[in-house]
Amino acid sequence: MSSLKYLSAYAPNLQQQIADLLEQDRLSGYLLNKYPAVSNVANDAALRNYVVDIKNQYLKKSQPLSKVVFDKKIHVVNNALGLHSFVSRVQGGKLKSKNEIRISTLFKNAPLEFLNMIVVHELAHLKEKEHNKAFYQLCRHMLPDYHQIEFDVRVYLTHLEEKGEVYIGCSSKSKALLSTA
């Protein structure tokens, strides 16, 4: 079985199923069948609008976001898919704080569901700093099938590492057309 580091916390039978699909070159088919269209959130302005819409729907009372961007260094440097940061400092006798969310550019050309899962994860950190029960309850509140999509993101990352890109140069329209043909 190849190295399935993104899936190491899952049951051995699940890991074996993914390893079998990978070995048979059927993993990309699994992903394309389940998530045929890529996101149309292609730049920082669109990402900010997307994130703020979700934040306003579920976390209206949380502090505003000062920055929301795609970041090409995240996956390589931090071995993460998204980052949230909270900075507090005193300026002129007032306490100022900034909340930033950075999402890996991997999600510019990935299914919207994957981007949504990462955004929900980072937004949940606005209320819950640790990955605890309350954190995952909040994630499931914002995205009921959060855990399934997280698993599929990990499958996608496994495919990226072992075989390469699944969604090569396809727009959401062309992927949708391909899946119906």
C-alpha atoms as a PDB file:
ATOM      1  CA  MET A   1       0.000   0.000   0.000  1.00  0.00           C
ATOM      2  CA  SER A   2       1.361   3.436  -0.919  1.00  0.00           C
ATOM      3  CA  SER A   3       1.851   6.108   1.697  1.00  0.00           C
ATOM      4  CA  LEU A   4      -1.569   7.464   2.582  1.00  0.00           C
ATOM      5  CA  LYS A   5      -0.449  10.139   5.041  1.00  0.00           C
ATOM      6  CA  TYR A   6      -3.583  12.252   4.555  1.00  0.00           C
ATOM      7  CA  LEU A   7      -5.732   9.258   5.477  1.00  0.00           C
ATOM      8  CA  SER A   8      -3.659   7.831   8.333  1.00  0.00           C
ATOM      9  CA  ALA A   9      -6.312   8.614  10.968  1.00  0.00           C
ATOM     10  CA  TYR A  10      -8.985   6.626   9.132  1.00  0.00           C
ATOM     11  CA  ALA A  11      -9.860   2.956   9.493  1.00  0.00           C
ATOM     12  CA  PRO A  12      -7.547   0.490   7.726  1.00  0.00           C
ATOM     13  CA  ASN A  13     -10.384  -0.808   5.527  1.00  0.00           C
ATOM     14  CA  LEU A  14     -11.042   2.738   4.204  1.00  0.00           C
ATOM     15  CA  GLN A  15      -7.348   3.235   3.584  1.00  0.00           C
ATOM     16  CA  GLN A  16      -7.242  -0.057   1.695  1.00  0.00           C
ATOM     17  CA  GLN A  17     -10.220   0.919  -0.474  1.00  0.00           C
ATOM     18  CA  ILE A  18      -8.510   4.172  -1.444  1.00  0.00           C
ATOM     19  CA  ALA A  19      -5.188   2.400  -2.024  1.00  0.00           C
ATOM     20  CA  ASP A  20      -6.966  -0.090  -4.317  1.00  0.00           C
ATOM     21  CA  LEU A  21      -8.643   2.707  -6.301  1.00  0.00           C
ATOM     22  CA  LEU A  22      -5.299   4.474  -6.565  1.00  0.00           C
ATOM     23  CA  GLU A  23      -3.495   1.346  -7.748  1.00  0.00           C
ATOM     24  CA  GLN A  24      -6.208   0.659 -10.350  1.00  0.00           C
ATOM     25  CA  ASP A  25      -6.119   4.313 -11.567  1.00  0.00           C
ATOM     26  CA  ARG A  26      -9.773   4.705 -10.580  1.00  0.00           C
ATOM     27  CA  LEU A  27      -9.393   7.296  -7.821  1.00  0.00           C
ATOM     28  CA  SER A  28      -9.729  10.269 -10.170  1.00  0.00           C
ATOM     29  CA  GLY A  29     -12.928   8.704 -11.538  1.00  0.00           C
ATOM     30  CA  TYR A  30     -14.299   8.446  -8.004  1.00  0.00           C
ATOM     31  CA  LEU A  31     -13.575  12.140  -7.408  1.00  0.00           C
ATOM     32  CA  LEU A  32     -14.841  13.325 -10.807  1.00  0.00           C
ATOM     33  CA  ASN A  33     -18.037  11.321 -10.436  1.00  0.00           C
ATOM     34  CA  LYS A  34     -18.735  12.681  -6.963  1.00  0.00           C
ATOM     35  CA  TYR A  35     -17.509  16.258  -7.609  1.00  0.00           C
ATOM     36  CA  PRO A  36     -17.672  16.910 -11.374  1.00  0.00           C
ATOM     37  CA  ALA A  37     -17.491  20.715 -11.337  1.00  0.00           C
ATOM     38  CA  VAL A  38     -14.723  23.003 -10.146  1.00  0.00           C
ATOM     39  CA  SER A  39     -15.233  26.183  -8.181  1.00  0.00           C
ATOM     40  CA  ASN A  40     -15.720  29.495  -9.952  1.00  0.00           C
ATOM     41  CA  VAL A  41     -14.095  31.342  -7.025  1.00  0.00           C
ATOM     42  CA  ALA A  42     -10.946  32.221  -8.949  1.00  0.00           C
ATOM     43  CA  ASN A  43      -9.467  35.312  -7.290  1.00  0.00           C
ATOM     44  CA  ASP A  44      -9.078  37.018  -3.930  1.00  0.00           C
ATOM     45  CA  ALA A  45     -12.067  39.352  -4.410  1.00  0.00           C
ATOM     46  CA  ALA A  46     -14.392  36.456  -5.231  1.00  0.00           C
ATOM     47  CA  LEU A  47     -12.959  34.466  -2.310  1.00  0.00           C
ATOM     48  CA  ARG A  48     -13.549  37.348   0.097  1.00  0.00           C
ATOM     49  CA  ASN A  49     -17.175  37.681  -1.060  1.00  0.00           C
ATOM     50  CA  TYR A  50     -17.688  33.935  -0.749  1.00  0.00           C
ATOM     51  CA  VAL A  51     -16.206  33.764   2.761  1.00  0.00           C
ATOM     52  CA  VAL A  52     -18.039  36.868   4.007  1.00  0.00           C
ATOM     53  CA  ASP A  53     -21.363  35.487   2.734  1.00  0.00           C
ATOM     54  CA  ILE A  54     -20.860  32.273   4.722  1.00  0.00           C
ATOM     55  CA  LYS A  55     -19.651  34.219   7.774  1.00  0.00           C
ATOM     56  CA  ASN A  56     -22.697  36.509   7.647  1.00  0.00           C
ATOM     57  CA  GLN A  57     -25.021  33.535   7.385  1.00  0.00           C
ATOM     58  CA  TYR A  58     -23.620  31.595  10.366  1.00  0.00           C
ATOM     59  CA  LEU A  59     -21.374  33.871  12.434  1.00  0.00           C
ATOM     60  CA  LYS A  60     -23.002  37.303  12.258  1.00  0.00           C
ATOM     61  CA  LYS A  61     -21.781  38.383  15.677  1.00  0.00           C
ATOM     62  CA  SER A  62     -18.153  37.378  15.206  1.00  0.00           C
ATOM     63  CA  GLN A  63     -15.493  39.975  14.546  1.00  0.00           C
ATOM     64  CA  PRO A  64     -15.064  41.205  10.978  1.00  0.00           C
ATOM     65  CA  LEU A  65     -12.429  39.761   8.686  1.00  0.00           C
ATOM     66  CA  SER A  66      -9.658  42.140   7.731  1.00  0.00           C
ATOM     67  CA  LYS A  67      -8.173  39.935   5.027  1.00  0.00           C
ATOM     68  CA  VAL A  68      -9.255  36.921   2.978  1.00  0.00           C
ATOM     69  CA  VAL A  69      -6.863  35.700   0.272  1.00  0.00           C
ATOM     70  CA  PHE A  70      -5.613  32.718  -1.671  1.00  0.00           C
ATOM     71  CA  ASP A  71      -2.024  31.961  -0.657  1.00  0.00           C
ATOM     72  CA  LYS A  72       0.279  29.867  -2.852  1.00  0.00           C
ATOM     73  CA  LYS A  73       2.747  29.228  -0.019  1.00  0.00           C
ATOM     74  CA  ILE A  74       0.396  27.620   2.483  1.00  0.00           C
ATOM     75  CA  HIS A  75       0.530  23.974   1.424  1.00  0.00           C
ATOM     76  CA  VAL A  76       4.267  23.977   0.933  1.00  0.00           C
ATOM     77  CA  VAL A  77       5.345  25.928   4.000  1.00  0.00           C
ATOM     78  CA  ASN A  78       2.812  25.034   6.664  1.00  0.00           C
ATOM     79  CA  ASN A  79       1.513  21.692   5.425  1.00  0.00           C
ATOM     80  CA  ALA A  80      -1.964  23.166   5.784  1.00  0.00           C
ATOM     81  CA  LEU A  81      -4.842  23.954   3.469  1.00  0.00           C
ATOM     82  CA  GLY A  82      -5.966  27.152   5.090  1.00  0.00           C
ATOM     83  CA  LEU A  83      -4.850  29.409   7.881  1.00  0.00           C
ATOM     84  CA  HIS A  84      -6.566  31.769  10.204  1.00  0.00           C
ATOM     85  CA  SER A  85      -4.746  34.369  12.199  1.00  0.00           C
ATOM     86  CA  PHE A  86      -5.837  36.666  14.941  1.00  0.00           C
ATOM     87  CA  VAL A  87      -3.631  39.577  15.884  1.00  0.00           C
ATOM     88  CA  SER A  88      -4.321  41.978  18.749  1.00  0.00           C
ATOM     89  CA  ARG A  89      -2.302  45.092  19.428  1.00  0.00           C
ATOM     90  CA  VAL A  90      -2.640  48.393  21.196  1.00  0.00           C
ATOM     91  CA  GLN A  91      -2.627  51.477  18.987  1.00  0.00           C
ATOM     92  CA  GLY A  92      -3.010  54.862  20.594  1.00  0.00           C
ATOM     93  CA  GLY A  93      -4.621  53.511  23.731  1.00  0.00           C
ATOM     94  CA  LYS A  94      -7.115  51.365  21.795  1.00  0.00           C
ATOM     95  CA  LEU A  95      -7.052  47.622  21.368  1.00  0.00           C
ATOM     96  CA  LYS A  96      -7.154  46.721  17.673  1.00  0.00           C
ATOM     97  CA  SER A  97      -7.574  43.217  16.350  1.00  0.00           C
ATOM     98  CA  LYS A  98      -7.374  41.659  12.919  1.00  0.00           C
ATOM     99  CA  ASN A  99      -8.766  38.355  11.710  1.00  0.00           C
ATOM    100  CA  GLU A 100      -7.266  36.966   8.527  1.00  0.00           C
ATOM    101  CA  ILE A 101      -8.102  33.862   6.529  1.00  0.00           C
ATOM    102  CA  ARG A 102      -5.724  32.453   3.934  1.00  0.00           C
ATOM    103  CA  ILE A 103      -6.725  29.559   1.703  1.00  0.00           C
ATOM    104  CA  SER A 104      -4.305  27.442  -0.310  1.00  0.00           C
ATOM    105  CA  THR A 105      -4.373  28.157  -4.041  1.00  0.00           C
ATOM    106  CA  LEU A 106      -4.962  24.407  -4.492  1.00  0.00           C
ATOM    107  CA  PHE A 107      -8.637  25.259  -4.105  1.00  0.00           C
ATOM    108  CA  LYS A 108      -8.807  27.658  -7.063  1.00  0.00           C
ATOM    109  CA  ASN A 109      -9.128  24.655  -9.371  1.00  0.00           C
ATOM    110  CA  ALA A 110     -10.960  22.223  -7.124  1.00  0.00           C
ATOM    111  CA  PRO A 111     -14.637  21.500  -6.447  1.00  0.00           C
ATOM    112  CA  LEU A 112     -16.585  24.204  -4.633  1.00  0.00           C
ATOM    113  CA  GLU A 113     -17.455  21.661  -1.934  1.00  0.00           C
ATOM    114  CA  PHE A 114     -13.739  21.338  -1.085  1.00  0.00           C
ATOM    115  CA  LEU A 115     -13.282  25.106  -0.883  1.00  0.00           C
ATOM    116  CA  ASN A 116     -16.440  25.339   1.207  1.00  0.00           C
ATOM    117  CA  MET A 117     -15.129  22.768   3.706  1.00  0.00           C
ATOM    118  CA  ILE A 118     -11.840  24.671   4.120  1.00  0.00           C
ATOM    119  CA  VAL A 119     -13.677  28.000   4.524  1.00  0.00           C
ATOM    120  CA  VAL A 120     -16.057  26.525   7.111  1.00  0.00           C
ATOM    121  CA  HIS A 121     -13.067  25.083   8.996  1.00  0.00           C
ATOM    122  CA  GLU A 122     -11.265  28.425   9.099  1.00  0.00           C
ATOM    123  CA  LEU A 123     -14.413  30.367  10.006  1.00  0.00           C
ATOM    124  CA  ALA A 124     -15.094  27.969  12.877  1.00  0.00           C
ATOM    125  CA  HIS A 125     -11.749  29.042  14.327  1.00  0.00           C
ATOM    126  CA  LEU A 126     -13.190  32.553  14.798  1.00  0.00           C
ATOM    127  CA  LYS A 127     -15.257  31.107  17.665  1.00  0.00           C
ATOM    128  CA  GLU A 128     -13.332  27.975  18.647  1.00  0.00           C
ATOM    129  CA  LYS A 129      -9.543  28.144  18.563  1.00  0.00           C
ATOM    130  CA  GLU A 130      -8.934  24.440  19.281  1.00  0.00           C
ATOM    131  CA  HIS A 131     -10.029  21.375  17.322  1.00  0.00           C
ATOM    132  CA  ASN A 132     -12.404  20.205  20.027  1.00  0.00           C
ATOM    133  CA  LYS A 133     -15.968  18.887  20.146  1.00  0.00           C
ATOM    134  CA  ALA A 134     -17.481  22.393  20.026  1.00  0.00           C
ATOM    135  CA  PHE A 135     -15.322  23.232  16.996  1.00  0.00           C
ATOM    136  CA  TYR A 136     -16.543  20.217  15.001  1.00  0.00           C
ATOM    137  CA  GLN A 137     -20.149  20.816  16.089  1.00  0.00           C
ATOM    138  CA  LEU A 138     -19.869  24.330  14.673  1.00  0.00           C
ATOM    139  CA  CYS A 139     -18.357  22.956  11.440  1.00  0.00           C
ATOM    140  CA  ARG A 140     -21.260  20.494  11.107  1.00  0.00           C
ATOM    141  CA  HIS A 141     -23.747  23.287  11.826  1.00  0.00           C
ATOM    142  CA  MET A 142     -22.373  25.297   8.910  1.00  0.00           C
ATOM    143  CA  LEU A 143     -21.812  22.231   6.687  1.00  0.00           C
ATOM    144  CA  PRO A 144     -23.784  19.135   7.734  1.00  0.00           C
ATOM    145  CA  ASP A 145     -21.649  16.703   5.692  1.00  0.00           C
ATOM    146  CA  TYR A 146     -18.400  18.338   6.832  1.00  0.00           C
ATOM    147  CA  HIS A 147     -16.717  15.056   7.813  1.00  0.00           C
ATOM    148  CA  GLN A 148     -17.481  13.320   4.499  1.00  0.00           C
ATOM    149  CA  ILE A 149     -16.160  16.272   2.508  1.00  0.00           C
ATOM    150  CA  GLU A 150     -13.072  16.445   4.723  1.00  0.00           C
ATOM    151  CA  PHE A 151     -12.448  12.770   3.929  1.00  0.00           C
ATOM    152  CA  ASP A 152     -12.884  13.445   0.210  1.00  0.00           C
ATOM    153  CA  VAL A 153     -10.484  16.407   0.403  1.00  0.00           C
ATOM    154  CA  ARG A 154      -7.950  14.043   1.936  1.00  0.00           C
ATOM    155  CA  VAL A 155      -8.598  11.576  -0.899  1.00  0.00           C
ATOM    156  CA  TYR A 156      -8.052  14.429  -3.375  1.00  0.00           C
ATOM    157  CA  LEU A 157      -4.763  15.375  -1.694  1.00  0.00           C
ATOM    158  CA  THR A 158      -3.679  11.742  -1.829  1.00  0.00           C
ATOM    159  CA  HIS A 159      -4.398  11.667  -5.563  1.00  0.00           C
ATOM    160  CA  LEU A 160      -2.520  14.945  -6.062  1.00  0.00           C
ATOM    161  CA  GLU A 161       0.537  13.552  -4.319  1.00  0.00           C
ATOM    162  CA  GLU A 162       0.499  10.087  -5.867  1.00  0.00           C
ATOM    163  CA  LYS A 163      -0.847  10.659  -9.396  1.00  0.00           C
ATOM    164  CA  GLY A 164      -1.169  14.408  -9.986  1.00  0.00           C
ATOM    165  CA  GLU A 165      -3.991  16.850 -10.625  1.00  0.00           C
ATOM    166  CA  VAL A 166      -7.537  15.594 -11.162  1.00  0.00           C
ATOM    167  CA  TYR A 167      -9.114  18.828 -12.395  1.00  0.00           C
ATOM    168  CA  ILE A 168      -6.556  19.886 -15.016  1.00  0.00           C
ATOM    169  CA  GLY A 169      -7.446  23.116 -16.793  1.00  0.00           C
ATOM    170  CA  CYS A 170     -11.196  22.607 -16.648  1.00  0.00           C
ATOM    171  CA  SER A 171     -13.793  25.205 -15.967  1.00  0.00           C
ATOM    172  CA  SER A 172     -16.857  24.290 -13.948  1.00  0.00           C
ATOM    173  CA  LYS A 173     -18.962  24.240 -17.156  1.00  0.00           C
ATOM    174  CA  SER A 174     -16.638  21.929 -19.064  1.00  0.00           C
ATOM    175  CA  LYS A 175     -16.385  19.519 -16.110  1.00  0.00           C
ATOM    176  CA  ALA A 176     -20.169  19.415 -15.817  1.00  0.00           C
ATOM    177  CA  LEU A 177     -20.479  18.729 -19.553  1.00  0.00           C
ATOM    178  CA  LEU A 178     -17.868  15.986 -19.387  1.00  0.00           C
ATOM    179  CA  SER A 179     -19.650  14.257 -16.536  1.00  0.00           C
ATOM    180  CA  THR A 180     -22.958  14.124 -18.430  1.00  0.00           C
ATOM    181  CA  ALA A 181     -21.416  12.854 -21.694  1.00  0.00           C
END
